[in-house]
Each structure stands twice: as structure tokens, then as C-alpha cells.
Protein backbone atom coordinates (compact mmCIF):
# COMPACT_ATOMS: atom_id res chain seq x y z
CA SER A 1 45.39 69.86 -14.84
CA VAL A 2 47.72 68.26 -12.26
CA ILE A 3 44.87 67.99 -9.68
CA ASN A 4 42.71 65.92 -12.07
CA LYS A 5 45.58 63.39 -12.42
CA ILE A 6 45.76 62.81 -8.69
CA GLN A 7 44.01 59.52 -7.50
CA VAL A 8 42.74 59.68 -4.02
CA SER A 9 41.45 56.49 -2.36
CA THR A 10 41.66 53.99 0.35
CA PHE A 11 43.62 50.77 0.03
CA HIS A 12 40.52 48.84 -0.63
CA ALA A 13 39.12 51.26 -3.15
CA PHE A 14 42.38 51.20 -4.99
CA GLY A 15 42.17 47.40 -4.99
CA VAL A 16 38.58 47.61 -6.51
CA SER A 17 39.82 49.80 -9.33
CA VAL A 18 42.78 47.46 -10.14
CA LEU A 19 40.68 44.27 -10.01
CA LYS A 20 37.96 45.69 -12.16
CA GLN A 21 40.56 46.94 -14.61
CA HIS A 22 42.19 43.57 -14.97
CA PHE A 23 39.21 41.26 -14.22
CA GLY A 24 40.21 38.77 -16.77
CA LYS A 25 43.10 37.64 -14.56
CA THR A 26 41.09 37.33 -11.41
CA GLY A 27 38.50 34.61 -12.26
CA ARG A 28 35.61 37.17 -11.87
CA LYS A 29 33.53 39.23 -14.08
CA GLN A 30 34.13 43.02 -14.34
CA ASN A 31 30.98 43.72 -12.44
CA PHE A 32 31.94 41.45 -9.50
CA SER A 33 30.31 42.15 -6.17
CA ILE A 34 31.83 42.78 -2.70
CA ILE A 35 30.38 40.68 0.07
CA ASN A 36 30.09 42.02 3.55
CA GLU A 37 30.76 40.39 6.94
CA GLU A 38 27.09 39.14 7.19
CA ASP A 39 27.47 37.43 3.77
CA LYS A 40 30.69 35.89 4.85
CA LYS A 41 29.16 34.40 7.98
CA GLN A 42 26.11 33.22 6.07
CA ILE A 43 28.43 31.35 3.61
CA LEU A 44 30.25 29.76 6.50
CA GLN A 45 26.97 28.47 7.96
CA LYS A 46 25.93 27.08 4.52
CA ILE A 47 29.13 25.01 4.34
CA GLY A 48 28.43 23.49 7.73
CA ILE A 49 30.08 25.77 10.32
CA GLN A 50 28.20 25.85 13.58
CA LYS A 51 26.85 29.24 14.46
CA SER A 52 28.88 29.34 17.59
CA GLU A 53 32.08 28.76 15.60
CA VAL A 54 31.42 31.22 12.71
CA ASN A 55 33.20 34.18 14.21
CA LYS A 56 36.29 32.16 14.84
CA PHE A 57 36.45 30.74 11.28
CA SER A 58 35.74 34.30 9.84
CA GLU A 59 38.71 35.66 11.74
CA ASN A 60 40.92 32.76 10.69
CA ILE A 61 40.03 33.31 7.03
CA THR A 62 40.89 37.06 7.40
CA GLU A 63 44.24 36.12 8.99
CA GLN A 64 45.01 33.61 6.29
CA LYS A 65 44.27 36.05 3.55
CA GLN A 66 46.11 38.95 5.10
CA SER A 67 49.25 36.73 5.57
CA LEU A 68 49.37 36.37 1.72
CA GLN A 69 50.26 32.74 2.21
CA PRO A 70 49.09 30.20 -0.26
CA ALA A 71 46.09 28.11 0.77
CA ASP A 72 48.24 25.07 0.13
CA ASN A 73 50.33 25.96 3.08
CA ILE A 74 47.45 25.63 5.54
CA GLU A 75 48.42 22.76 7.86
CA ASP A 76 45.04 22.32 9.70
CA LYS A 77 43.18 19.98 7.25
CA MET A 78 39.72 20.90 8.58
CA PHE A 79 40.44 24.68 8.11
CA ALA A 80 41.99 24.03 4.70
CA SER A 81 38.67 22.31 3.64
CA VAL A 82 36.59 25.17 5.01
CA PHE A 83 38.85 27.80 3.29
CA LYS A 84 38.58 26.03 -0.04
CA LYS A 85 34.74 25.70 0.23
CA TYR A 86 34.52 29.36 1.17
CA GLU A 87 36.60 30.41 -1.81
CA ASP A 88 34.60 28.22 -4.10
CA PHE A 89 31.36 29.93 -2.87
CA LEU A 90 32.92 33.30 -3.61
CA ILE A 91 33.68 32.23 -7.21
CA GLU A 92 30.17 30.95 -7.65
CA LEU A 93 28.74 34.24 -6.45
CA ASP A 94 31.22 36.17 -8.61
CA SER A 95 32.33 38.07 -5.50
CA PHE A 96 35.34 39.14 -3.51
CA ASP A 97 35.34 39.70 0.20
CA PHE A 98 36.74 42.72 1.88
CA ASP A 99 40.16 41.26 2.46
CA ASP A 100 40.48 40.13 -1.11
CA LEU A 101 40.37 43.69 -2.44
CA VAL A 102 43.96 44.22 -1.16
CA CYS A 103 45.23 40.69 -1.05
CA GLU A 104 44.17 39.77 -4.58
CA THR A 105 45.68 43.04 -5.82
CA VAL A 106 49.00 42.12 -4.37
CA LYS A 107 48.76 38.70 -5.83
CA LEU A 108 47.84 40.16 -9.22
CA PHE A 109 50.94 42.44 -9.18
CA LYS A 110 53.28 39.69 -8.18
CA GLU A 111 51.95 37.26 -10.74
CA HIS A 112 51.94 39.80 -13.53
CA PRO A 113 54.93 42.11 -13.57
CA ASP A 114 53.72 43.75 -16.71
CA ILE A 115 50.54 45.01 -14.87
CA LEU A 116 52.59 46.02 -11.89
CA SER A 117 55.04 47.97 -14.09
CA GLY A 118 52.09 49.86 -15.63
CA TYR A 119 50.95 51.15 -12.24
CA GLN A 120 54.51 51.98 -11.14
CA ASN A 121 54.82 54.16 -14.27
CA LYS A 122 51.42 55.70 -13.69
CA PHE A 123 52.18 56.74 -10.10
CA ASN A 124 55.37 58.61 -9.77
CA TRP A 125 54.63 59.62 -6.19
CA LEU A 126 52.76 57.64 -3.38
CA LEU A 127 51.51 59.43 -0.31
CA ILE A 128 49.96 57.38 2.58
CA ASP A 129 48.20 58.72 5.59
CA GLU A 130 47.76 56.80 9.00
CA TYR A 131 50.66 54.50 8.14
CA GLN A 132 50.67 53.10 11.69
CA ASP A 133 47.44 51.35 10.86
CA VAL A 134 48.54 49.25 7.84
CA ASN A 135 48.28 45.46 8.00
CA PHE A 136 50.73 43.08 6.37
CA ALA A 137 48.86 42.88 3.01
CA GLN A 138 48.73 46.63 2.77
CA TYR A 139 52.34 46.93 3.78
CA GLU A 140 53.19 44.41 0.93
CA LEU A 141 51.15 46.46 -1.53
CA VAL A 142 53.21 49.57 -0.74
CA ARG A 143 56.43 47.66 -0.87
CA THR A 144 55.43 46.10 -4.28
CA LEU A 145 54.56 49.49 -5.78
CA MET A 146 57.51 51.26 -4.21
CA PRO A 147 60.34 48.69 -3.82
CA ASN A 148 63.41 50.83 -4.15
CA PRO A 149 65.22 52.62 -1.11
CA GLY A 150 64.85 55.96 -2.86
CA SER A 151 61.30 55.62 -3.97
CA ASN A 152 59.05 58.66 -4.14
CA LEU A 153 57.14 57.56 -1.10
CA PHE A 154 55.76 59.89 1.59
CA VAL A 155 54.02 58.43 4.72
CA ILE A 156 52.51 60.13 7.65
CA GLY A 157 51.83 58.23 10.93
CA ASP A 158 52.02 58.22 14.73
CA PRO A 159 52.82 54.98 16.44
CA ASN A 160 51.11 56.25 19.54
CA GLN A 161 47.83 56.24 17.55
CA ALA A 162 48.06 52.52 16.41
CA ILE A 163 44.65 51.29 17.58
CA TYR A 164 43.52 48.78 14.98
CA GLY A 165 45.42 45.65 15.94
CA PHE A 166 42.12 43.81 15.93
CA ARG A 167 41.90 44.29 12.26
CA GLY A 168 45.41 43.03 11.67
CA ALA A 169 47.18 46.37 11.79
CA ASP A 170 50.79 46.19 13.01
CA VAL A 171 52.55 49.21 14.44
CA GLN A 172 55.90 47.58 13.61
CA PHE A 173 55.61 48.57 9.87
CA ILE A 174 55.92 52.23 10.68
CA ARG A 175 58.64 51.65 13.15
CA ARG A 176 60.75 49.86 10.39
CA PHE A 177 60.06 52.47 7.79
CA GLU A 178 63.69 53.93 7.86
CA GLN A 179 64.96 50.38 7.62
CA ASP A 180 62.87 49.58 4.59
CA TYR A 181 63.70 53.02 2.95
CA PRO A 182 67.18 53.97 4.25
CA GLU A 183 67.40 56.98 2.05
CA ALA A 184 64.16 58.48 3.71
CA THR A 185 64.21 61.85 5.53
CA THR A 186 62.18 61.84 8.73
CA TYR A 187 60.39 64.82 10.02
CA GLU A 188 59.26 64.76 13.68
CA LEU A 189 56.41 67.04 14.61
CA LYS A 190 56.96 68.35 18.18
CA LYS A 191 54.19 70.75 18.66
CA SER A 192 50.45 70.12 19.00
CA TYR A 193 48.23 72.80 17.69
CA ARG A 194 45.17 71.20 19.28
CA CYS A 195 45.80 70.25 22.89
CA THR A 196 46.86 72.09 25.99
CA ASP A 197 49.96 71.10 27.84
CA SER A 198 48.15 69.49 30.65
CA ILE A 199 46.19 67.18 28.24
CA LEU A 200 49.29 66.23 26.31
CA LYS A 201 51.21 65.48 29.67
CA ALA A 202 48.35 63.47 31.03
CA SER A 203 47.93 61.41 27.88
CA GLY A 204 51.64 60.99 27.74
CA ASN A 205 51.56 59.52 31.25
CA VAL A 206 49.09 56.91 30.13
CA LEU A 207 51.56 55.84 27.51
CA ALA A 208 54.17 55.68 30.16
CA GLN A 209 56.28 58.26 28.22
CA LYS A 210 58.99 60.13 30.13
CA ASN A 211 60.08 63.57 28.98
CA LYS A 212 58.78 63.04 25.40
CA PHE A 213 55.65 65.15 25.62
CA LEU A 214 54.49 67.25 22.72
CA GLU A 215 54.45 71.04 23.30
CA GLY A 216 50.91 72.25 23.70
CA ILE A 217 49.32 75.54 22.71
CA GLN A 218 48.99 76.66 26.33
CA LYS A 219 49.15 75.29 29.82
CA GLY A 220 45.43 74.59 30.07
CA VAL A 221 43.01 73.61 32.93
CA LYS A 222 43.38 70.44 34.90
CA ILE A 223 41.87 67.12 33.73
CA LYS A 224 38.71 66.21 35.66
CA ILE A 225 38.43 62.62 37.01
CA SER A 226 34.91 61.81 38.23
CA GLU A 227 34.12 58.79 40.47
CA ASN A 228 30.54 57.74 40.25
CA THR A 229 28.47 55.10 42.11
CA THR A 230 26.83 53.53 39.05
CA ASP A 231 26.79 53.89 35.36
CA LYS A 232 23.54 55.71 35.72
CA SER A 233 24.96 58.37 38.00
CA GLU A 234 28.02 58.50 35.62
CA ALA A 235 25.66 59.30 32.76
CA GLU A 236 23.70 61.78 34.89
CA PHE A 237 27.00 63.52 35.73
CA VAL A 238 27.93 63.86 32.02
CA ALA A 239 24.42 65.24 31.19
CA ARG A 240 24.48 67.75 34.04
CA THR A 241 28.00 68.86 33.26
CA ILE A 242 27.16 69.54 29.56
CA GLU A 243 24.10 71.55 30.79
CA GLN A 244 26.35 73.53 33.14
CA MET A 245 28.99 74.28 30.55
CA ILE A 246 26.64 75.18 27.66
CA GLY A 247 24.42 77.33 29.96
CA GLY A 248 21.37 74.95 29.84
CA VAL A 249 19.26 73.65 26.89
CA GLY A 250 15.88 73.87 28.46
CA PHE A 251 13.85 75.65 31.16
CA PHE A 252 14.28 72.73 33.42
CA SER A 253 18.07 73.29 33.64
CA LEU A 254 17.47 76.72 35.06
CA ASP A 255 14.61 75.76 37.20
CA SER A 256 16.47 72.84 38.79
CA LYS A 257 19.58 74.87 39.30
CA VAL A 258 21.65 72.46 37.29
CA VAL A 259 23.21 75.39 35.50
CA GLU A 260 25.75 77.54 37.44
CA ASP A 261 27.26 80.77 36.64
CA ASP A 262 30.75 79.42 35.68
CA SER A 263 32.07 80.55 32.31
CA TYR A 264 33.64 78.04 30.01
CA GLU A 265 35.75 79.49 27.37
CA ASP A 266 35.27 78.16 23.79
CA ILE A 267 32.13 76.30 24.68
CA GLU A 268 29.48 77.82 22.33
CA SER A 269 27.54 74.86 20.99
CA LEU A 270 26.38 71.36 21.78
CA SER A 271 28.72 70.25 18.86
CA ASP A 272 31.70 71.27 21.01
CA PHE A 273 31.08 68.03 23.22
CA VAL A 274 31.88 64.44 22.60
CA ILE A 275 31.14 61.53 24.83
CA LEU A 276 33.53 58.53 24.12
CA CYS A 277 32.78 54.88 25.04
CA ARG A 278 34.98 51.83 24.70
CA VAL A 279 32.08 49.75 23.39
CA SER A 280 28.80 50.69 21.89
CA ARG A 281 27.04 48.77 24.64
CA GLN A 282 27.88 51.54 27.08
CA MET A 283 25.70 54.01 25.03
CA LYS A 284 22.19 53.02 26.17
CA THR A 285 22.61 54.45 29.64
CA ILE A 286 24.15 57.69 28.29
CA GLU A 287 21.38 58.10 25.70
CA LYS A 288 18.78 57.84 28.46
CA ALA A 289 20.41 60.58 30.41
CA LEU A 290 20.71 62.90 27.43
CA ASN A 291 17.07 62.28 26.53
CA ASP A 292 15.98 62.89 30.10
CA HIS A 293 17.69 66.26 29.91
CA LYS A 294 16.38 66.96 26.46
CA ILE A 295 19.99 67.24 25.18
CA PRO A 296 20.02 66.40 21.35
CA TYR A 297 22.82 64.06 20.30
CA GLN A 298 24.11 62.16 17.27
CA LYS A 299 25.51 58.61 17.75
CA ILE A 300 28.31 57.18 15.82
CA GLY A 301 29.38 53.58 16.60
CA GLN A 302 31.92 51.14 15.11
CA ASP A 303 29.43 49.62 12.68
CA PRO A 304 28.53 51.49 9.39
CA PHE A 305 24.88 52.71 9.27
CA TYR A 306 24.30 50.43 6.31
CA ARG A 307 24.52 47.43 8.65
CA THR A 308 21.49 48.61 10.55
CA GLU A 309 17.81 47.90 9.62
CA PRO A 310 15.92 48.91 7.56
CA VAL A 311 18.90 50.20 5.49
CA LYS A 312 20.60 46.78 5.47
CA SER A 313 17.62 45.12 3.73
CA LEU A 314 17.04 48.08 1.46
CA ILE A 315 20.54 47.69 0.05
CA ASP A 316 20.08 43.92 -0.21
CA LEU A 317 17.09 44.73 -2.58
CA LEU A 318 19.20 47.02 -4.63
CA LYS A 319 21.85 44.25 -4.89
CA LEU A 320 19.20 41.71 -5.66
CA SER A 321 17.93 43.92 -8.55
CA LEU A 322 21.39 43.67 -10.17
CA ASN A 323 21.78 39.90 -9.55
CA PRO A 324 18.44 38.12 -9.04
CA ASP A 325 20.32 34.78 -8.90
CA ASN A 326 22.22 35.70 -5.71
CA PHE A 327 21.10 32.88 -3.49
CA LEU A 328 22.46 34.57 -0.29
CA LEU A 329 20.40 37.69 -0.82
CA LYS A 330 17.25 35.74 -1.79
CA GLU A 331 17.56 33.54 1.35
CA ARG A 332 18.18 36.44 3.66
CA LEU A 333 15.36 38.59 2.28
CA LEU A 334 12.89 35.73 2.24
CA LYS A 335 13.81 34.69 5.79
CA ASN A 336 13.25 38.23 7.13
CA ASN A 337 9.87 38.50 5.16
CA ILE A 338 11.12 41.56 3.23
CA ILE A 339 10.02 40.26 -0.16
CA ARG A 340 7.85 37.43 -1.58
CA LYS A 341 9.42 34.69 -3.75
CA GLU A 342 7.26 35.56 -6.69
CA ASP A 343 8.46 39.25 -6.68
CA ILE A 344 12.17 38.56 -6.90
CA PHE A 345 12.58 38.06 -10.65
CA GLY A 346 10.25 40.97 -11.39
CA LEU A 347 12.31 43.40 -9.29
CA PRO A 348 14.77 44.53 -11.92
CA GLU A 349 11.86 45.47 -14.32
CA LYS A 350 10.22 47.43 -11.67
CA LEU A 351 13.29 49.49 -10.99
CA ASN A 352 14.15 49.98 -14.67
CA ASN A 353 14.24 53.56 -15.99
CA LYS A 354 14.41 54.91 -12.49
CA ASN A 355 17.39 56.85 -11.15
CA LEU A 356 19.08 55.72 -7.94
CA ASN A 357 17.02 57.84 -5.52
CA GLU A 358 13.76 56.96 -7.36
CA GLN A 359 14.68 53.32 -6.89
CA ILE A 360 15.13 53.80 -3.15
CA ASP A 361 11.97 55.68 -2.86
CA PHE A 362 10.10 52.82 -4.70
CA LEU A 363 11.59 50.19 -2.49
CA VAL A 364 10.91 52.08 0.77
CA ASN A 365 7.24 52.63 -0.04
CA ARG A 366 6.75 49.14 -1.40
CA TYR A 367 8.60 47.02 1.21
CA PHE A 368 9.27 49.26 4.23
CA GLN A 369 6.09 51.27 4.65
CA HIS A 370 5.40 49.59 8.03
CA THR A 371 8.99 49.88 9.31
CA LYS A 372 10.28 53.25 8.07
CA ALA A 373 8.71 55.22 10.92
CA GLY A 374 11.58 56.03 13.32
CA HIS A 375 14.20 55.30 10.66
CA GLU A 376 13.68 58.25 8.39
CA SER A 377 17.12 59.69 9.32
CA LEU A 378 18.97 56.64 8.24
CA ILE A 379 17.08 56.35 4.92
CA LYS A 380 17.75 60.12 4.43
CA ILE A 381 21.47 59.47 4.84
CA LEU A 382 21.37 56.65 2.30
CA GLN A 383 19.51 58.98 -0.12
CA GLU A 384 22.00 61.88 0.40
CA ILE A 385 24.86 59.47 -0.40
CA ALA A 386 23.01 58.05 -3.44
CA SER A 387 22.39 61.43 -4.93
CA GLY A 388 26.10 61.65 -5.85
CA TYR A 389 25.84 58.52 -8.05
CA ASN A 390 24.32 57.75 -11.37
CA ASP A 391 25.62 54.09 -11.39
CA ILE A 392 23.87 51.70 -8.95
CA GLU A 393 26.74 49.20 -9.16
CA GLN A 394 29.33 51.84 -8.30
CA PHE A 395 27.15 53.09 -5.36
CA ILE A 396 26.86 49.72 -3.86
CA ASN A 397 30.49 48.97 -4.17
CA ASN A 398 31.54 52.27 -2.69
CA LEU A 399 28.98 51.94 0.09
CA SER A 400 30.69 48.68 1.09
CA LEU A 401 33.85 50.60 1.64
CA LYS A 402 32.42 53.23 3.88
CA THR A 403 32.79 53.31 7.65
CA GLY A 404 30.51 54.49 10.54
CA ILE A 405 32.28 57.93 10.64
CA ASP A 406 30.98 58.71 7.16
CA THR A 407 27.54 59.41 8.71
CA TRP A 408 28.85 61.98 11.18
CA LYS A 409 27.65 65.44 10.59
CA PRO A 410 29.99 68.08 12.13
CA GLY A 411 28.64 71.30 13.43
CA ILE A 412 24.99 70.36 13.90
CA GLU A 413 23.52 71.49 17.33
CA ALA A 414 23.88 68.11 19.02
CA VAL A 415 26.30 66.38 21.45
CA ASN A 416 28.39 63.70 19.76
CA LEU A 417 28.19 60.19 21.11
CA MET A 418 30.94 57.94 19.74
CA THR A 419 33.22 54.93 20.43
CA LEU A 420 36.99 55.48 20.96
CA HIS A 421 37.75 53.89 17.70
CA SER A 422 35.39 55.95 15.64
CA VAL A 423 36.55 59.32 16.97
CA LYS A 424 40.14 59.09 15.66
CA GLY A 425 41.06 62.07 13.48
CA LEU A 426 38.36 64.42 15.08
CA GLU A 427 38.78 67.13 17.77
CA PHE A 428 36.33 68.74 20.14
CA ASN A 429 36.61 71.50 22.76
CA CYS A 430 35.30 69.17 25.46
CA VAL A 431 35.71 65.43 25.69
CA PHE A 432 34.27 62.89 28.18
CA VAL A 433 35.71 59.45 28.25
CA VAL A 434 33.36 57.29 30.17
CA GLY A 435 33.92 53.86 31.64
CA CYS A 436 37.49 54.32 32.64
CA GLU A 437 37.56 50.93 34.49
CA ASP A 438 39.63 47.74 34.34
CA GLY A 439 37.60 45.58 32.10
CA LEU A 440 36.61 48.33 29.73
CA LEU A 441 39.79 50.33 29.56
CA PRO A 442 41.77 48.13 29.25
CA TYR A 443 39.12 45.85 27.65
CA SER A 444 38.61 42.35 28.72
CA LEU A 445 34.87 41.85 28.98
CA PHE A 446 33.04 39.60 26.40
CA GLU A 447 36.32 38.70 24.64
CA ASP A 448 37.84 35.31 24.24
CA LYS A 449 41.28 36.85 23.47
CA LYS A 450 43.11 38.96 25.89
CA SER A 451 43.44 42.59 24.69
CA ASP A 452 46.82 44.04 23.84
CA ILE A 453 47.54 46.25 26.81
CA ASP A 454 49.69 48.57 24.91
CA GLU A 455 47.09 49.15 22.25
CA GLU A 456 44.53 49.77 24.98
CA ARG A 457 46.84 52.48 26.32
CA ARG A 458 47.11 54.02 22.84
CA LEU A 459 43.29 53.90 22.47
CA LEU A 460 42.90 55.89 25.64
CA TYR A 461 45.63 58.26 24.38
CA VAL A 462 43.64 58.81 21.21
CA GLY A 463 40.51 59.60 23.18
CA MET A 464 42.26 61.98 25.55
CA THR A 465 44.05 63.94 22.70
CA ARG A 466 40.72 64.64 20.94
CA ALA A 467 40.19 67.30 23.53
CA LYS A 468 41.29 70.86 22.75
CA LYS A 469 40.49 72.43 26.11
CA TYR A 470 38.43 70.32 28.59
CA LEU A 471 38.82 66.58 29.42
CA TYR A 472 36.68 64.55 31.79
CA LEU A 473 37.65 60.88 32.61
CA THR A 474 34.83 59.15 34.41
CA HIS A 475 34.41 55.71 36.14
CA ALA A 476 31.62 53.93 37.97
CA GLY A 477 31.58 51.46 40.91
CA LYS A 478 28.74 49.43 39.50
CA ARG A 479 27.98 49.03 35.77
CA PHE A 480 25.24 47.09 34.00
CA LEU A 481 26.08 45.57 30.60
CA MET A 482 24.31 42.92 28.67
CA GLY A 483 21.88 42.39 31.60
CA LYS A 484 24.61 41.72 34.13
CA GLU A 485 26.06 43.86 36.94
CA TYR A 486 29.84 44.36 37.04
CA GLN A 487 31.85 45.92 39.92
CA LEU A 488 35.12 47.07 38.06
CA PRO A 489 37.94 48.89 39.72
CA ARG A 490 39.08 52.23 38.43
CA SER A 491 41.30 51.77 35.32
CA HIS A 492 45.01 51.52 36.41
CA PHE A 493 45.75 53.75 33.37
CA LEU A 494 44.46 56.71 35.46
CA ASP A 495 46.98 55.97 38.17
CA LYS A 496 49.76 56.84 35.77
CA ILE A 497 48.60 60.44 35.40
CA GLU A 498 50.60 62.99 37.56
CA LYS A 499 48.63 64.26 40.44
CA GLU A 500 49.25 67.89 39.69
CA LEU A 501 47.63 67.54 36.34
CA ILE A 502 44.20 66.23 37.66
CA GLU A 503 41.33 67.28 39.79
CA ALA A 504 39.51 64.18 41.11
CA LYS A 505 36.08 64.24 42.60
CA LYS A 506 33.59 61.75 44.01
CA GLN A 507 30.03 62.56 42.89
CA GLU A 508 27.66 62.31 45.89
CA TYR A 509 24.43 63.84 44.65
CA LYS A 510 21.16 61.91 44.25
CA ARG A 511 19.12 62.66 41.17
CA LYS A 512 15.73 64.33 41.74
CA GLU A 513 13.01 63.57 39.36
CA LYS A 514 11.14 66.76 38.29
CA LYS A 515 8.68 67.50 35.66
CA ARG A 516 10.41 68.68 32.56
CA ASP A 517 9.28 71.47 30.25
CA ASP A 518 7.80 70.62 26.85
CA GLN A 519 10.70 72.05 25.00
CA LEU A 520 10.72 70.91 21.37
CA GLU A 521 13.67 68.68 20.49
CA LEU A 522 15.84 69.79 17.56
CA PHE A 523 15.45 66.29 15.88
């Protein structure tokens, strides 16, 4: 059928399929591996880069690859030497890094027109979502596959939601689409079927738009702006407000008079709420308040779950079973005391004749018996994903292409705690954007490079427009991050919002410690 002929993938997954199909042209074997960011940094340290410089060189390598410029064009002799040594390491490991998956595919197509022609004939139509987030290499891949002005190309995107500049994405590519494809027809969607007018106007104010607001589904209630003394009182405000809106989640809520009689339309479940942070460092204080109020939550950050322990080492063991000669994996696992040296070469035999989930069970019981307590949920997520695979190599490669949002479970009875970047594409009846302060929004703490102010506006816009009905923007006079106290002013983005759209309130209450009930938590 037609449906079975449709290929659906990310840019990187498409690259994997092309590079495996034509591995003979790439200098790699067909079962090449994909290294992650930790592997990349480990390689850089092995070739002599100081730990304090690793992040900078890693970013420079990504920028060099995404530019699609030949390595011979690198003017900085030191960086040119590092880049060559890094590439030699990848060849020795029979690996590609994440950037290679697109960049090497573009290179393959340009160097072998016959291969490119085969894919152009195979795909009569190309549809791309989130086109505002493509980087130069991805843009070149699209232009290579669909070079003609009248190409059968359909893209969807919103320049106002371009928030991945730190990954190399460039909003200019969607803005020049009509220039690249002059025969294109543009359809502008002018009505939002998610947000109310008040939310759309307020978020439009943040973008400094004038008279270009989308039409909402209804007028809606005012946006609430909450001023708090500290980040702890901010977190307490969020937890209490959730209890009030949901009608309480425990006997303590009723006993302490946290819950009021106000009725909140469309709020029926804890899953109706999301709390959004600019950086995951903000989450610890929020989590404590939710735990104190016995409010179940699920946390999704910017990092995929497979980068957290013990899942990270568990996956390393699976990779090592496929390639016992991979010195990066051996070095890391031995350093972390996960496996003994004498066990490494016997690992493939121990996992032989076991399906993927049986392999995971074996490794958990053998190497993580002392650490699995408290991490059962992460291991369960890994097993759930693994159940859809028969091939361990395909499982590992596909896992490398997943993001943090892949672990999000919609609809479970829990509040959602996410970063602003990870919430894109989702919607909730009630949204809290916490930490609306200069330094966090726009972001300038803990960064060497100054953030793109326009992208920071768009990031807040994305967070605000996740709200279907209720939107809270909160800020605190004092905030503790990384062991240091910060006194940050209210974000100047909030000053752009029309006064008639907001209801601002300074929180004056002091928290009273009371004995909680012994209500069972949901998980």
C-alpha cells in the first residue's frame, strides 16, 4: 500500500539509513557505531585536550562539521591538528559522531551523483516539519535532494518558535524559503485552536509584535504574574496553586485550608499542569515543594534519560558486548568499577542466545544489583523501548537518536516538570513559567557566550503558548543556584506585556510547617 512506502524519520535517522546502505563509500563498516557526546569528550581528552577546554573544542568540531567546509580550510593550525586526530580516532573506532550522520550524507550525495539520483527518484515528495529549526547541514541536505524551484517540497514551520540556535539552527532558512523556491505557495495559519486571545496577545507582546496576533479560541482569563521573595517561596506558591486548582491531593490540603472553593474550568487531572524552567538546575527547589505537598510529578529535562546512571553504563555494556575491542567503553566501565577486566571478553558469550530484554535483565542483576534501587523507573523505560526491537545494534543506534521528551508519558496522574526547550510541541491546560528574571530569561548565568536575545524571547513565547487556558509567570527576588545566591531583577520581557492582560500579585504568605497525612504516593 501507499502507506507502507512512506518513510518517516528524523534528519539523523535518514542519514544513518543512507550511510549504512552505502557504507563502502564512507570508510566505515556497515555496522558502524554512533558515538555520543561523552564519547566525543573522552576522545578529545585522550588526544591531549585539557578538561577545561574540552567543551570549547567539542563545539568547534560541531561548527566545523555543520559548516560542510573541508578540513583543509581550517586556518587555526592547532585546531586543524586536533580535528584530524579526532577524525582518525573515529575511523579507528569505526564510528560516526552525531553531526556526521547528516554532514557525511550530504558529502556522499555531492561526491556520488548516481547515489543522489537514486534517492531523488525514490522520494517524489519531501515533507519537513519544524523547518525553522534546521541547521546549515540539514538545509543543504534538503537543497541537495530537492534543488529545483518547482520541487515537490512541503515544509511547515514558525519563525517565532526557532529556539535551537545553540545547536546550530538558523531561522534565516525558513525566512528565505520563498527565495529558494520561487514557485512555492505559502499558506499562513492565522487562528490558534489551542490558546486564548489573552495568552496570544501577551506572548505576542513578548515578541514585540504589533497587530500581528493570532486569533484565539476565546477571550480567556488574565495572565497571572507572581512576585515571590525567594525561589523557595516561588516553588511553594506553585505547589499551593496546583492544590487549589485541582481541589487538593491529600487530607493536608483540606486541613491547612490551602484549597479554596474557586472553580477552575478544564482542570481535571494533575496531568493538566506543567511547570517550565529555563534550566534544569531550577528543578530541585520545585521538586522539594511538590514532594512536601505530596504532589506526584514526572520530570523531563534537556538530557535524554539514557545519559543518566545506571542506564548509561547499562547501555555501555550492551555496546561492549557488540564490540569488546572498543577501548573507550572499556576505559569508562573499568574506571567506574562497573565490570572487571577479566569479564570483558566473556561478555558476548554470556549474552548469546538471549533476547534484548533478557540481556538487559542479566546485566542489571549481574552488575547493578547494588545500584538499581531507586532507578527501577529508568530501567523500566529502557526495557519498554527494548521490547520493540529484535536487533541489539538497531536498538542502540536508534536509542542514540532519541531525546529526553521520548520518556514523557502523557496522561498519567502527575504534574509535568520540564525545561522550556523540552516542552515544545506539547500543550497543557495550565502552565507555570518559573524564574522569569533577567539572568534566567533571558539567560546569561553560567555561560561564556552571550545568549541571543531574540531567541530568548522566542523561548518564552514557546513556553507561554503551551497554555490552553491558564498561564502563570513567576519570579523571585532571591534565587539559589549551584550553591550561590543571586538577586536577579524581574525579566524585562514581562514589562512588554500590556497591563490589561495581566493580574500581578506579590506573595506575602509565610509557609507553616504542619504534619502531613500518610497518603500513599502514586509512584
